[in-house]
Amino acid sequence: ILGVLAGLEIVRTLNETGIKTKHPIVVVNFTNEEGTRFPP
């Protein structure tokens, strides 16, 4: 969760400061990383 929401925080900070980047920034939430319900 920290990794996903820290990615969101990057965008929120860039928006607040008005900073633009040449490359798009994409924040990702990958499905079923843990594999505890659907192994592996």
Full PDB file with SEQRES, HELIX, SHEET, SSBOND, CRYST1, ORIGX, SCALE, CONECT and MASTER records, all heavy atoms in Angstrom:
SEQRES   1 A   40  ILE LEU GLY VAL LEU ALA GLY LEU GLU ILE VAL ARG THR          
SEQRES   2 A   40  LEU ASN GLU THR GLY ILE LYS THR LYS HIS PRO ILE VAL          
SEQRES   3 A   40  VAL VAL ASN PHE THR ASN GLU GLU GLY THR ARG PHE PRO          
SEQRES   4 A   40  PRO                                                          
HELIX    1 AA1 LEU A    2  THR A   17  1                                  16    
CRYST1    1.000    1.000    1.000  90.00  90.00  90.00 P 1           1          
ORIGX1      1.000000  0.000000  0.000000        0.00000                         
ORIGX2      0.000000  1.000000  0.000000        0.00000                         
ORIGX3      0.000000  0.000000  1.000000        0.00000                         
SCALE1      1.000000  0.000000  0.000000        0.00000                         
SCALE2      0.000000  1.000000  0.000000        0.00000                         
SCALE3      0.000000  0.000000  1.000000        0.00000                         
ATOM      1  N   ILE A   1       0.828  -1.202   0.000  1.00  0.00           N  
ATOM      2  CA  ILE A   1       0.000   0.000   0.000  1.00  0.00           C  
ATOM      3  C   ILE A   1       0.866   1.257   0.000  1.00  0.00           C  
ATOM      4  O   ILE A   1       0.570   2.235  -0.687  1.00  0.00           O  
ATOM      5  CB  ILE A   1      -0.963   0.001   1.211  1.00  0.00           C  
ATOM      6  CG1 ILE A   1      -1.894  -1.217   1.155  1.00  0.00           C  
ATOM      7  CG2 ILE A   1      -1.792   1.267   1.230  1.00  0.00           C  
ATOM      8  CD1 ILE A   1      -1.410  -2.435   1.873  1.00  0.00           C  
ATOM      9  N   LEU A   2       1.962   1.223   0.762  1.00  0.00           N  
ATOM     10  CA  LEU A   2       2.865   2.375   0.796  1.00  0.00           C  
ATOM     11  C   LEU A   2       3.351   2.731  -0.603  1.00  0.00           C  
ATOM     12  O   LEU A   2       3.405   3.906  -0.976  1.00  0.00           O  
ATOM     13  CB  LEU A   2       4.058   2.082   1.709  1.00  0.00           C  
ATOM     14  CG  LEU A   2       5.144   3.158   1.754  1.00  0.00           C  
ATOM     15  CD1 LEU A   2       4.604   4.470   2.300  1.00  0.00           C  
ATOM     16  CD2 LEU A   2       6.341   2.682   2.576  1.00  0.00           C  
ATOM     17  N   GLY A   3       3.692   1.718  -1.408  1.00  0.00           N  
ATOM     18  CA  GLY A   3       4.220   1.986  -2.744  1.00  0.00           C  
ATOM     19  C   GLY A   3       3.201   2.607  -3.671  1.00  0.00           C  
ATOM     20  O   GLY A   3       3.528   3.482  -4.485  1.00  0.00           O  
ATOM     21  N   VAL A   4       1.936   2.172  -3.566  1.00  0.00           N  
ATOM     22  CA  VAL A   4       0.875   2.739  -4.408  1.00  0.00           C  
ATOM     23  C   VAL A   4       0.582   4.179  -3.996  1.00  0.00           C  
ATOM     24  O   VAL A   4       0.527   5.094  -4.835  1.00  0.00           O  
ATOM     25  CB  VAL A   4      -0.405   1.886  -4.321  1.00  0.00           C  
ATOM     26  CG1 VAL A   4      -1.535   2.528  -5.130  1.00  0.00           C  
ATOM     27  CG2 VAL A   4      -0.143   0.470  -4.819  1.00  0.00           C  
ATOM     28  N   LEU A   5       0.395   4.397  -2.708  1.00  0.00           N  
ATOM     29  CA  LEU A   5      -0.020   5.724  -2.245  1.00  0.00           C  
ATOM     30  C   LEU A   5       1.127   6.730  -2.280  1.00  0.00           C  
ATOM     31  O   LEU A   5       0.887   7.940  -2.431  1.00  0.00           O  
ATOM     32  CB  LEU A   5      -0.622   5.618  -0.848  1.00  0.00           C  
ATOM     33  CG  LEU A   5      -1.887   4.745  -0.777  1.00  0.00           C  
ATOM     34  CD1 LEU A   5      -2.502   4.800   0.619  1.00  0.00           C  
ATOM     35  CD2 LEU A   5      -2.914   5.173  -1.825  1.00  0.00           C  
ATOM     36  N   ALA A   6       2.365   6.262  -2.188  1.00  0.00           N  
ATOM     37  CA  ALA A   6       3.503   7.166  -2.384  1.00  0.00           C  
ATOM     38  C   ALA A   6       3.566   7.624  -3.841  1.00  0.00           C  
ATOM     39  O   ALA A   6       3.943   8.774  -4.126  1.00  0.00           O  
ATOM     40  CB  ALA A   6       4.803   6.490  -1.975  1.00  0.00           C  
ATOM     41  N   GLY A   7       3.198   6.734  -4.769  1.00  0.00           N  
ATOM     42  CA  GLY A   7       3.116   7.145  -6.169  1.00  0.00           C  
ATOM     43  C   GLY A   7       2.065   8.215  -6.371  1.00  0.00           C  
ATOM     44  O   GLY A   7       2.286   9.212  -7.085  1.00  0.00           O  
ATOM     45  N   LEU A   8       0.909   8.043  -5.737  1.00  0.00           N  
ATOM     46  CA  LEU A   8      -0.136   9.065  -5.792  1.00  0.00           C  
ATOM     47  C   LEU A   8       0.357  10.369  -5.185  1.00  0.00           C  
ATOM     48  O   LEU A   8       0.074  11.455  -5.717  1.00  0.00           O  
ATOM     49  CB  LEU A   8      -1.374   8.563  -5.051  1.00  0.00           C  
ATOM     50  CG  LEU A   8      -2.519   9.558  -4.855  1.00  0.00           C  
ATOM     51  CD1 LEU A   8      -3.071  10.040  -6.192  1.00  0.00           C  
ATOM     52  CD2 LEU A   8      -3.621   8.937  -4.003  1.00  0.00           C  
ATOM     53  N   GLU A   9       1.096  10.296  -4.095  1.00  0.00           N  
ATOM     54  CA  GLU A   9       1.613  11.510  -3.446  1.00  0.00           C  
ATOM     55  C   GLU A   9       2.574  12.262  -4.350  1.00  0.00           C  
ATOM     56  O   GLU A   9       2.616  13.499  -4.331  1.00  0.00           O  
ATOM     57  CB  GLU A   9       2.284  11.147  -2.120  1.00  0.00           C  
ATOM     58  CG  GLU A   9       2.921  12.321  -1.381  1.00  0.00           C  
ATOM     59  CD  GLU A   9       1.960  13.475  -1.139  1.00  0.00           C  
ATOM     60  OE1 GLU A   9       0.756  13.236  -0.892  1.00  0.00           O  
ATOM     61  OE2 GLU A   9       2.410  14.633  -1.209  1.00  0.00           O  
ATOM     62  N   ILE A  10       3.348  11.546  -5.160  1.00  0.00           N  
ATOM     63  CA  ILE A  10       4.225  12.217  -6.133  1.00  0.00           C  
ATOM     64  C   ILE A  10       3.393  13.126  -7.038  1.00  0.00           C  
ATOM     65  O   ILE A  10       3.724  14.297  -7.260  1.00  0.00           O  
ATOM     66  CB  ILE A  10       4.990  11.183  -6.978  1.00  0.00           C  
ATOM     67  CG1 ILE A  10       6.030  10.459  -6.132  1.00  0.00           C  
ATOM     68  CG2 ILE A  10       5.661  11.854  -8.188  1.00  0.00           C  
ATOM     69  CD1 ILE A  10       6.706   9.302  -6.844  1.00  0.00           C  
ATOM     70  N   VAL A  11       2.302  12.590  -7.564  1.00  0.00           N  
ATOM     71  CA  VAL A  11       1.458  13.360  -8.476  1.00  0.00           C  
ATOM     72  C   VAL A  11       0.803  14.528  -7.749  1.00  0.00           C  
ATOM     73  O   VAL A  11       0.733  15.649  -8.274  1.00  0.00           O  
ATOM     74  CB  VAL A  11       0.403  12.446  -9.126  1.00  0.00           C  
ATOM     75  CG1 VAL A  11      -0.594  13.261  -9.941  1.00  0.00           C  
ATOM     76  CG2 VAL A  11       1.081  11.400 -10.006  1.00  0.00           C  
ATOM     77  N   ARG A  12       0.315  14.298  -6.540  1.00  0.00           N  
ATOM     78  CA  ARG A  12      -0.301  15.385  -5.782  1.00  0.00           C  
ATOM     79  C   ARG A  12       0.694  16.527  -5.551  1.00  0.00           C  
ATOM     80  O   ARG A  12       0.340  17.712  -5.677  1.00  0.00           O  
ATOM     81  CB  ARG A  12      -0.818  14.852  -4.443  1.00  0.00           C  
ATOM     82  CG  ARG A  12      -2.089  14.010  -4.560  1.00  0.00           C  
ATOM     83  CD  ARG A  12      -2.440  13.344  -3.234  1.00  0.00           C  
ATOM     84  NE  ARG A  12      -3.824  12.872  -3.206  1.00  0.00           N  
ATOM     85  CZ  ARG A  12      -4.345  12.148  -2.226  1.00  0.00           C  
ATOM     86  NH1 ARG A  12      -3.583  11.785  -1.183  1.00  0.00           N  
ATOM     87  NH2 ARG A  12      -5.614  11.769  -2.265  1.00  0.00           N  
ATOM     88  N   THR A  13       1.938  16.188  -5.235  1.00  0.00           N  
ATOM     89  CA  THR A  13       2.954  17.209  -5.005  1.00  0.00           C  
ATOM     90  C   THR A  13       3.284  17.951  -6.291  1.00  0.00           C  
ATOM     91  O   THR A  13       3.422  19.181  -6.301  1.00  0.00           O  
ATOM     92  CB  THR A  13       4.221  16.575  -4.408  1.00  0.00           C  
ATOM     93  OG1 THR A  13       3.896  15.970  -3.156  1.00  0.00           O  
ATOM     94  CG2 THR A  13       5.307  17.615  -4.184  1.00  0.00           C  
ATOM     95  N   LEU A  14       3.410  17.223  -7.395  1.00  0.00           N  
ATOM     96  CA  LEU A  14       3.679  17.876  -8.681  1.00  0.00           C  
ATOM     97  C   LEU A  14       2.538  18.817  -9.062  1.00  0.00           C  
ATOM     98  O   LEU A  14       2.773  19.932  -9.564  1.00  0.00           O  
ATOM     99  CB  LEU A  14       3.872  16.824  -9.767  1.00  0.00           C  
ATOM    100  CG  LEU A  14       5.146  15.977  -9.687  1.00  0.00           C  
ATOM    101  CD1 LEU A  14       5.130  14.886 -10.752  1.00  0.00           C  
ATOM    102  CD2 LEU A  14       6.392  16.851  -9.847  1.00  0.00           C  
ATOM    103  N   ASN A  15       1.312  18.391  -8.819  1.00  0.00           N  
ATOM    104  CA  ASN A  15       0.165  19.247  -9.129  1.00  0.00           C  
ATOM    105  C   ASN A  15       0.189  20.522  -8.301  1.00  0.00           C  
ATOM    106  O   ASN A  15      -0.082  21.624  -8.813  1.00  0.00           O  
ATOM    107  CB  ASN A  15      -1.143  18.493  -8.879  1.00  0.00           C  
ATOM    108  CG  ASN A  15      -1.412  17.408  -9.902  1.00  0.00           C  
ATOM    109  OD1 ASN A  15      -0.749  17.337 -10.939  1.00  0.00           O  
ATOM    110  ND2 ASN A  15      -2.376  16.548  -9.619  1.00  0.00           N  
ATOM    111  N   GLU A  16       0.502  20.400  -7.029  1.00  0.00           N  
ATOM    112  CA  GLU A  16       0.532  21.567  -6.144  1.00  0.00           C  
ATOM    113  C   GLU A  16       1.582  22.582  -6.565  1.00  0.00           C  
ATOM    114  O   GLU A  16       1.368  23.793  -6.461  1.00  0.00           O  
ATOM    115  CB  GLU A  16       0.814  21.128  -4.708  1.00  0.00           C  
ATOM    116  CG  GLU A  16      -0.371  20.571  -3.963  1.00  0.00           C  
ATOM    117  CD  GLU A  16      -0.038  20.244  -2.535  1.00  0.00           C  
ATOM    118  OE1 GLU A  16       1.160  20.185  -2.169  1.00  0.00           O  
ATOM    119  OE2 GLU A  16      -0.993  20.033  -1.760  1.00  0.00           O  
ATOM    120  N   THR A  17       2.716  22.073  -7.013  1.00  0.00           N  
ATOM    121  CA  THR A  17       3.830  22.955  -7.367  1.00  0.00           C  
ATOM    122  C   THR A  17       3.790  23.407  -8.824  1.00  0.00           C  
ATOM    123  O   THR A  17       4.583  24.260  -9.226  1.00  0.00           O  
ATOM    124  CB  THR A  17       5.169  22.241  -7.106  1.00  0.00           C  
ATOM    125  OG1 THR A  17       5.188  20.996  -7.821  1.00  0.00           O  
ATOM    126  CG2 THR A  17       5.352  21.973  -5.623  1.00  0.00           C  
ATOM    127  N   GLY A  18       2.884  22.820  -9.608  1.00  0.00           N  
ATOM    128  CA  GLY A  18       2.777  23.198 -11.009  1.00  0.00           C  
ATOM    129  C   GLY A  18       3.898  22.669 -11.877  1.00  0.00           C  
ATOM    130  O   GLY A  18       4.091  23.134 -13.009  1.00  0.00           O  
ATOM    131  N   ILE A  19       4.626  21.698 -11.388  1.00  0.00           N  
ATOM    132  CA  ILE A  19       5.751  21.145 -12.148  1.00  0.00           C  
ATOM    133  C   ILE A  19       5.236  20.187 -13.223  1.00  0.00           C  
ATOM    134  O   ILE A  19       4.376  19.349 -12.969  1.00  0.00           O  
ATOM    135  CB  ILE A  19       6.732  20.414 -11.209  1.00  0.00           C  
ATOM    136  CG1 ILE A  19       7.437  21.436 -10.314  1.00  0.00           C  
ATOM    137  CG2 ILE A  19       7.758  19.600 -11.997  1.00  0.00           C  
ATOM    138  CD1 ILE A  19       8.338  20.807  -9.279  1.00  0.00           C  
ATOM    139  N   LYS A  20       5.783  20.333 -14.413  1.00  0.00           N  
ATOM    140  CA  LYS A  20       5.453  19.445 -15.517  1.00  0.00           C  
ATOM    141  C   LYS A  20       6.647  18.553 -15.836  1.00  0.00           C  
ATOM    142  O   LYS A  20       7.800  18.942 -15.634  1.00  0.00           O  
ATOM    143  CB  LYS A  20       5.066  20.256 -16.756  1.00  0.00           C  
ATOM    144  CG  LYS A  20       3.831  21.123 -16.556  1.00  0.00           C  
ATOM    145  CD  LYS A  20       3.529  21.942 -17.805  1.00  0.00           C  
ATOM    146  CE  LYS A  20       2.298  22.821 -17.610  1.00  0.00           C  
ATOM    147  NZ  LYS A  20       2.005  23.645 -18.806  1.00  0.00           N  
ATOM    148  N   THR A  21       6.354  17.368 -16.336  1.00  0.00           N  
ATOM    149  CA  THR A  21       7.419  16.456 -16.753  1.00  0.00           C  
ATOM    150  C   THR A  21       7.249  16.097 -18.223  1.00  0.00           C  
ATOM    151  O   THR A  21       6.132  16.056 -18.738  1.00  0.00           O  
ATOM    152  CB  THR A  21       7.411  15.156 -15.915  1.00  0.00           C  
ATOM    153  OG1 THR A  21       6.145  14.501 -16.065  1.00  0.00           O  
ATOM    154  CG2 THR A  21       7.668  15.458 -14.445  1.00  0.00           C  
ATOM    155  N   LYS A  22       8.378  15.846 -18.869  1.00  0.00           N  
ATOM    156  CA  LYS A  22       8.334  15.446 -20.277  1.00  0.00           C  
ATOM    157  C   LYS A  22       7.613  14.107 -20.432  1.00  0.00           C  
ATOM    158  O   LYS A  22       6.747  13.954 -21.302  1.00  0.00           O  
ATOM    159  CB  LYS A  22       9.761  15.341 -20.824  1.00  0.00           C  
ATOM    160  CG  LYS A  22       9.826  14.802 -22.252  1.00  0.00           C  
ATOM    161  CD  LYS A  22      11.273  14.648 -22.724  1.00  0.00           C  
ATOM    162  CE  LYS A  22      11.320  14.032 -24.124  1.00  0.00           C  
ATOM    163  NZ  LYS A  22      12.725  13.848 -24.594  1.00  0.00           N  
ATOM    164  N   HIS A  23       7.958  13.168 -19.594  1.00  0.00           N  
ATOM    165  CA  HIS A  23       7.375  11.827 -19.668  1.00  0.00           C  
ATOM    166  C   HIS A  23       6.148  11.733 -18.767  1.00  0.00           C  
ATOM    167  O   HIS A  23       6.154  12.259 -17.646  1.00  0.00           O  
ATOM    168  CB  HIS A  23       8.397  10.778 -19.230  1.00  0.00           C  
ATOM    169  CG  HIS A  23       9.590  10.681 -20.127  1.00  0.00           C  
ATOM    170  ND1 HIS A  23       9.717   9.739 -21.115  1.00  0.00           N  
ATOM    171  CD2 HIS A  23      10.724  11.436 -20.177  1.00  0.00           C  
ATOM    172  CE1 HIS A  23      10.872   9.897 -21.741  1.00  0.00           C  
ATOM    173  NE2 HIS A  23      11.503  10.924 -21.191  1.00  0.00           N  
ATOM    174  N   PRO A  24       5.105  11.083 -19.216  1.00  0.00           N  
ATOM    175  CA  PRO A  24       3.969  10.836 -18.324  1.00  0.00           C  
ATOM    176  C   PRO A  24       4.418  10.032 -17.101  1.00  0.00           C  
ATOM    177  O   PRO A  24       5.401   9.289 -17.156  1.00  0.00           O  
ATOM    178  CB  PRO A  24       2.999  10.021 -19.195  1.00  0.00           C  
ATOM    179  CG  PRO A  24       3.413  10.282 -20.603  1.00  0.00           C  
ATOM    180  CD  PRO A  24       4.897  10.511 -20.565  1.00  0.00           C  
ATOM    181  N   ILE A  25       3.681  10.170 -16.022  1.00  0.00           N  
ATOM    182  CA  ILE A  25       3.901   9.369 -14.816  1.00  0.00           C  
ATOM    183  C   ILE A  25       2.646   8.535 -14.580  1.00  0.00           C  
ATOM    184  O   ILE A  25       1.534   9.071 -14.555  1.00  0.00           O  
ATOM    185  CB  ILE A  25       4.216  10.250 -13.602  1.00  0.00           C  
ATOM    186  CG1 ILE A  25       5.557  10.973 -13.805  1.00  0.00           C  
ATOM    187  CG2 ILE A  25       4.242   9.418 -12.314  1.00  0.00           C  
ATOM    188  CD1 ILE A  25       5.885  11.985 -12.724  1.00  0.00           C  
ATOM    189  N   VAL A  26       2.815   7.238 -14.431  1.00  0.00           N  
ATOM    190  CA  VAL A  26       1.687   6.318 -14.262  1.00  0.00           C  
ATOM    191  C   VAL A  26       1.812   5.613 -12.912  1.00  0.00           C  
ATOM    192  O   VAL A  26       2.837   4.983 -12.635  1.00  0.00           O  
ATOM    193  CB  VAL A  26       1.629   5.274 -15.394  1.00  0.00           C  
ATOM    194  CG1 VAL A  26       0.429   4.346 -15.204  1.00  0.00           C  
ATOM    195  CG2 VAL A  26       1.563   5.961 -16.759  1.00  0.00           C  
ATOM    196  N   VAL A  27       0.788   5.734 -12.089  1.00  0.00           N  
ATOM    197  CA  VAL A  27       0.754   5.057 -10.792  1.00  0.00           C  
ATOM    198  C   VAL A  27      -0.022   3.754 -10.957  1.00  0.00           C  
ATOM    199  O   VAL A  27      -1.138   3.746 -11.491  1.00  0.00           O  
ATOM    200  CB  VAL A  27       0.108   5.941  -9.716  1.00  0.00           C  
ATOM    201  CG1 VAL A  27       0.189   5.253  -8.350  1.00  0.00           C  
ATOM    202  CG2 VAL A  27       0.786   7.307  -9.653  1.00  0.00           C  
ATOM    203  N   VAL A  28       0.570   2.641 -10.488  1.00  0.00           N  
ATOM    204  CA  VAL A  28       0.040   1.307 -10.761  1.00  0.00           C  
ATOM    205  C   VAL A  28      -0.405   0.615  -9.477  1.00  0.00           C  
ATOM    206  O   VAL A  28       0.285   0.687  -8.455  1.00  0.00           O  
ATOM    207  CB  VAL A  28       1.104   0.416 -11.442  1.00  0.00           C  
ATOM    208  CG1 VAL A  28       0.489  -0.898 -11.903  1.00  0.00           C  
ATOM    209  CG2 VAL A  28       1.763   1.135 -12.592  1.00  0.00           C  
ATOM    210  N   ASN A  29      -1.548  -0.066  -9.558  1.00  0.00           N  
ATOM    211  CA  ASN A  29      -1.972  -1.021  -8.525  1.00  0.00           C  
ATOM    212  C   ASN A  29      -2.084  -2.389  -9.186  1.00  0.00           C  
ATOM    213  O   ASN A  29      -3.050  -2.665  -9.901  1.00  0.00           O  
ATOM    214  CB  ASN A  29      -3.319  -0.610  -7.911  1.00  0.00           C  
ATOM    215  CG  ASN A  29      -3.921  -1.716  -7.058  1.00  0.00           C  
ATOM    216  OD1 ASN A  29      -3.214  -2.463  -6.396  1.00  0.00           O  
ATOM    217  ND2 ASN A  29      -5.252  -1.840  -7.091  1.00  0.00           N  
ATOM    218  N   PHE A  30      -1.088  -3.240  -8.962  1.00  0.00           N  
ATOM    219  CA  PHE A  30      -1.102  -4.580  -9.532  1.00  0.00           C  
ATOM    220  C   PHE A  30      -2.053  -5.488  -8.754  1.00  0.00           C  
ATOM    221  O   PHE A  30      -2.108  -5.449  -7.525  1.00  0.00           O  
ATOM    222  CB  PHE A  30       0.298  -5.201  -9.519  1.00  0.00           C  
ATOM    223  CG  PHE A  30       1.207  -4.673 -10.589  1.00  0.00           C  
ATOM    224  CD1 PHE A  30       2.273  -3.843 -10.268  1.00  0.00           C  
ATOM    225  CD2 PHE A  30       1.006  -5.002 -11.917  1.00  0.00           C  
ATOM    226  CE1 PHE A  30       3.119  -3.358 -11.254  1.00  0.00           C  
ATOM    227  CE2 PHE A  30       1.846  -4.522 -12.915  1.00  0.00           C  
ATOM    228  CZ  PHE A  30       2.900  -3.688 -12.582  1.00  0.00           C  
ATOM    229  N   THR A  31      -2.785  -6.320  -9.485  1.00  0.00           N  
ATOM    230  CA  THR A  31      -3.740  -7.257  -8.879  1.00  0.00           C  
ATOM    231  C   THR A  31      -3.034  -8.483  -8.296  1.00  0.00           C  
ATOM    232  O   THR A  31      -2.113  -9.022  -8.910  1.00  0.00           O  
ATOM    233  CB  THR A  31      -4.752  -7.718  -9.953  1.00  0.00           C  
ATOM    234  OG1 THR A  31      -5.421  -6.590 -10.498  1.00  0.00           O  
ATOM    235  CG2 THR A  31      -5.780  -8.673  -9.361  1.00  0.00           C  
ATOM    236  N   ASN A  32      -3.498  -8.906  -7.113  1.00  0.00           N  
ATOM    237  CA  ASN A  32      -3.114 -10.199  -6.536  1.00  0.00           C  
ATOM    238  C   ASN A  32      -1.603 -10.379  -6.420  1.00  0.00           C  
ATOM    239  O   ASN A  32      -1.060 -11.403  -6.814  1.00  0.00           O  
ATOM    240  CB  ASN A  32      -3.707 -11.346  -7.368  1.00  0.00           C  
ATOM    241  CG  ASN A  32      -3.605 -12.702  -6.663  1.00  0.00           C  
ATOM    242  OD1 ASN A  32      -3.937 -12.823  -5.498  1.00  0.00           O  
ATOM    243  ND2 ASN A  32      -3.146 -13.708  -7.383  1.00  0.00           N  
ATOM    244  N   GLU A  33      -0.938  -9.383  -5.844  1.00  0.00           N  
ATOM    245  CA  GLU A  33       0.493  -9.543  -5.610  1.00  0.00           C  
ATOM    246  C   GLU A  33       0.753 -10.591  -4.541  1.00  0.00           C  
ATOM    247  O   GLU A  33       1.674 -11.402  -4.661  1.00  0.00           O  
ATOM    248  CB  GLU A  33       1.118  -8.208  -5.197  1.00  0.00           C  
ATOM    249  CG  GLU A  33       2.646  -8.204  -5.189  1.00  0.00           C  
ATOM    250  CD  GLU A  33       3.278  -8.714  -3.898  1.00  0.00           C  
ATOM    251  OE1 GLU A  33       2.548  -8.893  -2.890  1.00  0.00           O  
ATOM    252  OE2 GLU A  33       4.502  -8.949  -3.885  1.00  0.00           O  
ATOM    253  N   GLU A  34      -0.065 -10.573  -3.486  1.00  0.00           N  
ATOM    254  CA  GLU A  34       0.199 -11.461  -2.359  1.00  0.00           C  
ATOM    255  C   GLU A  34       0.030 -12.937  -2.723  1.00  0.00           C  
ATOM    256  O   GLU A  34       0.755 -13.792  -2.228  1.00  0.00           O  
ATOM    257  CB  GLU A  34      -0.712 -11.114  -1.178  1.00  0.00           C  
ATOM    258  CG  GLU A  34      -0.440  -9.744  -0.561  1.00  0.00           C  
ATOM    259  CD  GLU A  34       0.901  -9.680   0.151  1.00  0.00           C  
ATOM    260  OE1 GLU A  34       1.606 -10.701   0.219  1.00  0.00           O  
ATOM    261  OE2 GLU A  34       1.257  -8.599   0.637  1.00  0.00           O  
ATOM    262  N   GLY A  35      -0.950 -13.242  -3.551  1.00  0.00           N  
ATOM    263  CA  GLY A  35      -1.150 -14.635  -3.948  1.00  0.00           C  
ATOM    264  C   GLY A  35      -1.700 -15.514  -2.847  1.00  0.00           C  
ATOM    265  O   GLY A  35      -1.729 -16.745  -2.984  1.00  0.00           O  
ATOM    266  N   THR A  36      -2.171 -14.907  -1.771  1.00  0.00           N  
ATOM    267  CA  THR A  36      -2.633 -15.725  -0.647  1.00  0.00           C  
ATOM    268  C   THR A  36      -3.973 -16.386  -0.950  1.00  0.00           C  
ATOM    269  O   THR A  36      -4.224 -17.507  -0.529  1.00  0.00           O  
ATOM    270  CB  THR A  36      -2.726 -14.862   0.634  1.00  0.00           C  
ATOM    271  OG1 THR A  36      -3.063 -15.696   1.736  1.00  0.00           O  
ATOM    272  CG2 THR A  36      -3.777 -13.770   0.501  1.00  0.00           C  
ATOM    273  N   ARG A  37      -4.833 -15.710  -1.714  1.00  0.00           N  
ATOM    274  CA  ARG A  37      -6.121 -16.306  -2.080  1.00  0.00           C  
ATOM    275  C   ARG A  37      -6.007 -17.078  -3.388  1.00  0.00           C  
ATOM    276  O   ARG A  37      -6.597 -18.150  -3.538  1.00  0.00           O  
ATOM    277  CB  ARG A  37      -7.179 -15.208  -2.198  1.00  0.00           C  
ATOM    278  CG  ARG A  37      -8.574 -15.775  -2.478  1.00  0.00           C  
ATOM    279  CD  ARG A  37      -9.633 -14.705  -2.638  1.00  0.00           C  
ATOM    280  NE  ARG A  37     -10.920 -15.306  -2.950  1.00  0.00           N  
ATOM    281  CZ  ARG A  37     -11.928 -14.661  -3.516  1.00  0.00           C  
ATOM    282  NH1 ARG A  37     -11.818 -13.367  -3.817  1.00  0.00           N  
ATOM    283  NH2 ARG A  37     -13.063 -15.299  -3.787  1.00  0.00           N  
ATOM    284  N   PHE A  38      -5.287 -16.527  -4.341  1.00  0.00           N  
ATOM    285  CA  PHE A  38      -5.112 -17.176  -5.651  1.00  0.00           C  
ATOM    286  C   PHE A  38      -3.613 -17.352  -5.909  1.00  0.00           C  
ATOM    287  O   PHE A  38      -2.987 -16.495  -6.533  1.00  0.00           O  
ATOM    288  CB  PHE A  38      -5.741 -16.330  -6.762  1.00  0.00           C  
ATOM    289  CG  PHE A  38      -7.235 -16.186  -6.667  1.00  0.00           C  
ATOM    290  CD1 PHE A  38      -7.796 -15.024  -6.153  1.00  0.00           C  
ATOM    291  CD2 PHE A  38      -8.078 -17.204  -7.074  1.00  0.00           C  
ATOM    292  CE1 PHE A  38      -9.175 -14.878  -6.063  1.00  0.00           C  
ATOM    293  CE2 PHE A  38      -9.453 -17.073  -6.985  1.00  0.00           C  
ATOM    294  CZ  PHE A  38     -10.002 -15.902  -6.476  1.00  0.00           C  
ATOM    295  N   PRO A  39      -3.015 -18.443  -5.406  1.00  0.00           N  
ATOM    296  CA  PRO A  39      -1.583 -18.659  -5.651  1.00  0.00           C  
ATOM    297  C   PRO A  39      -1.308 -18.832  -7.140  1.00  0.00           C  
ATOM    298  O   PRO A  39      -2.181 -19.299  -7.882  1.00  0.00           O  
ATOM    299  CB  PRO A  39      -1.292 -19.955  -4.879  1.00  0.00           C  
ATOM    300  CG  PRO A  39      -2.446 -20.119  -3.934  1.00  0.00           C  
ATOM    301  CD  PRO A  39      -3.629 -19.510  -4.611  1.00  0.00           C  
ATOM    302  N   PRO A  40      -0.084 -18.469  -7.580  1.00  0.00           N  
ATOM    303  CA  PRO A  40       1.034 -17.971  -6.784  1.00  0.00           C  
ATOM    304  C   PRO A  40       0.996 -16.456  -6.617  1.00  0.00           C  
ATOM    305  O   PRO A  40       0.070 -15.792  -7.093  1.00  0.00           O  
ATOM    306  CB  PRO A  40       2.238 -18.380  -7.619  1.00  0.00           C  
ATOM    307  CG  PRO A  40       1.738 -18.269  -9.033  1.00  0.00           C  
ATOM    308  CD  PRO A  40       0.296 -18.717  -8.980  1.00  0.00           C  
TER     309      PRO A  40                                                      
MASTER        0    0    0    1    0    0    0    6  308    1    0    4          
END                                                                             
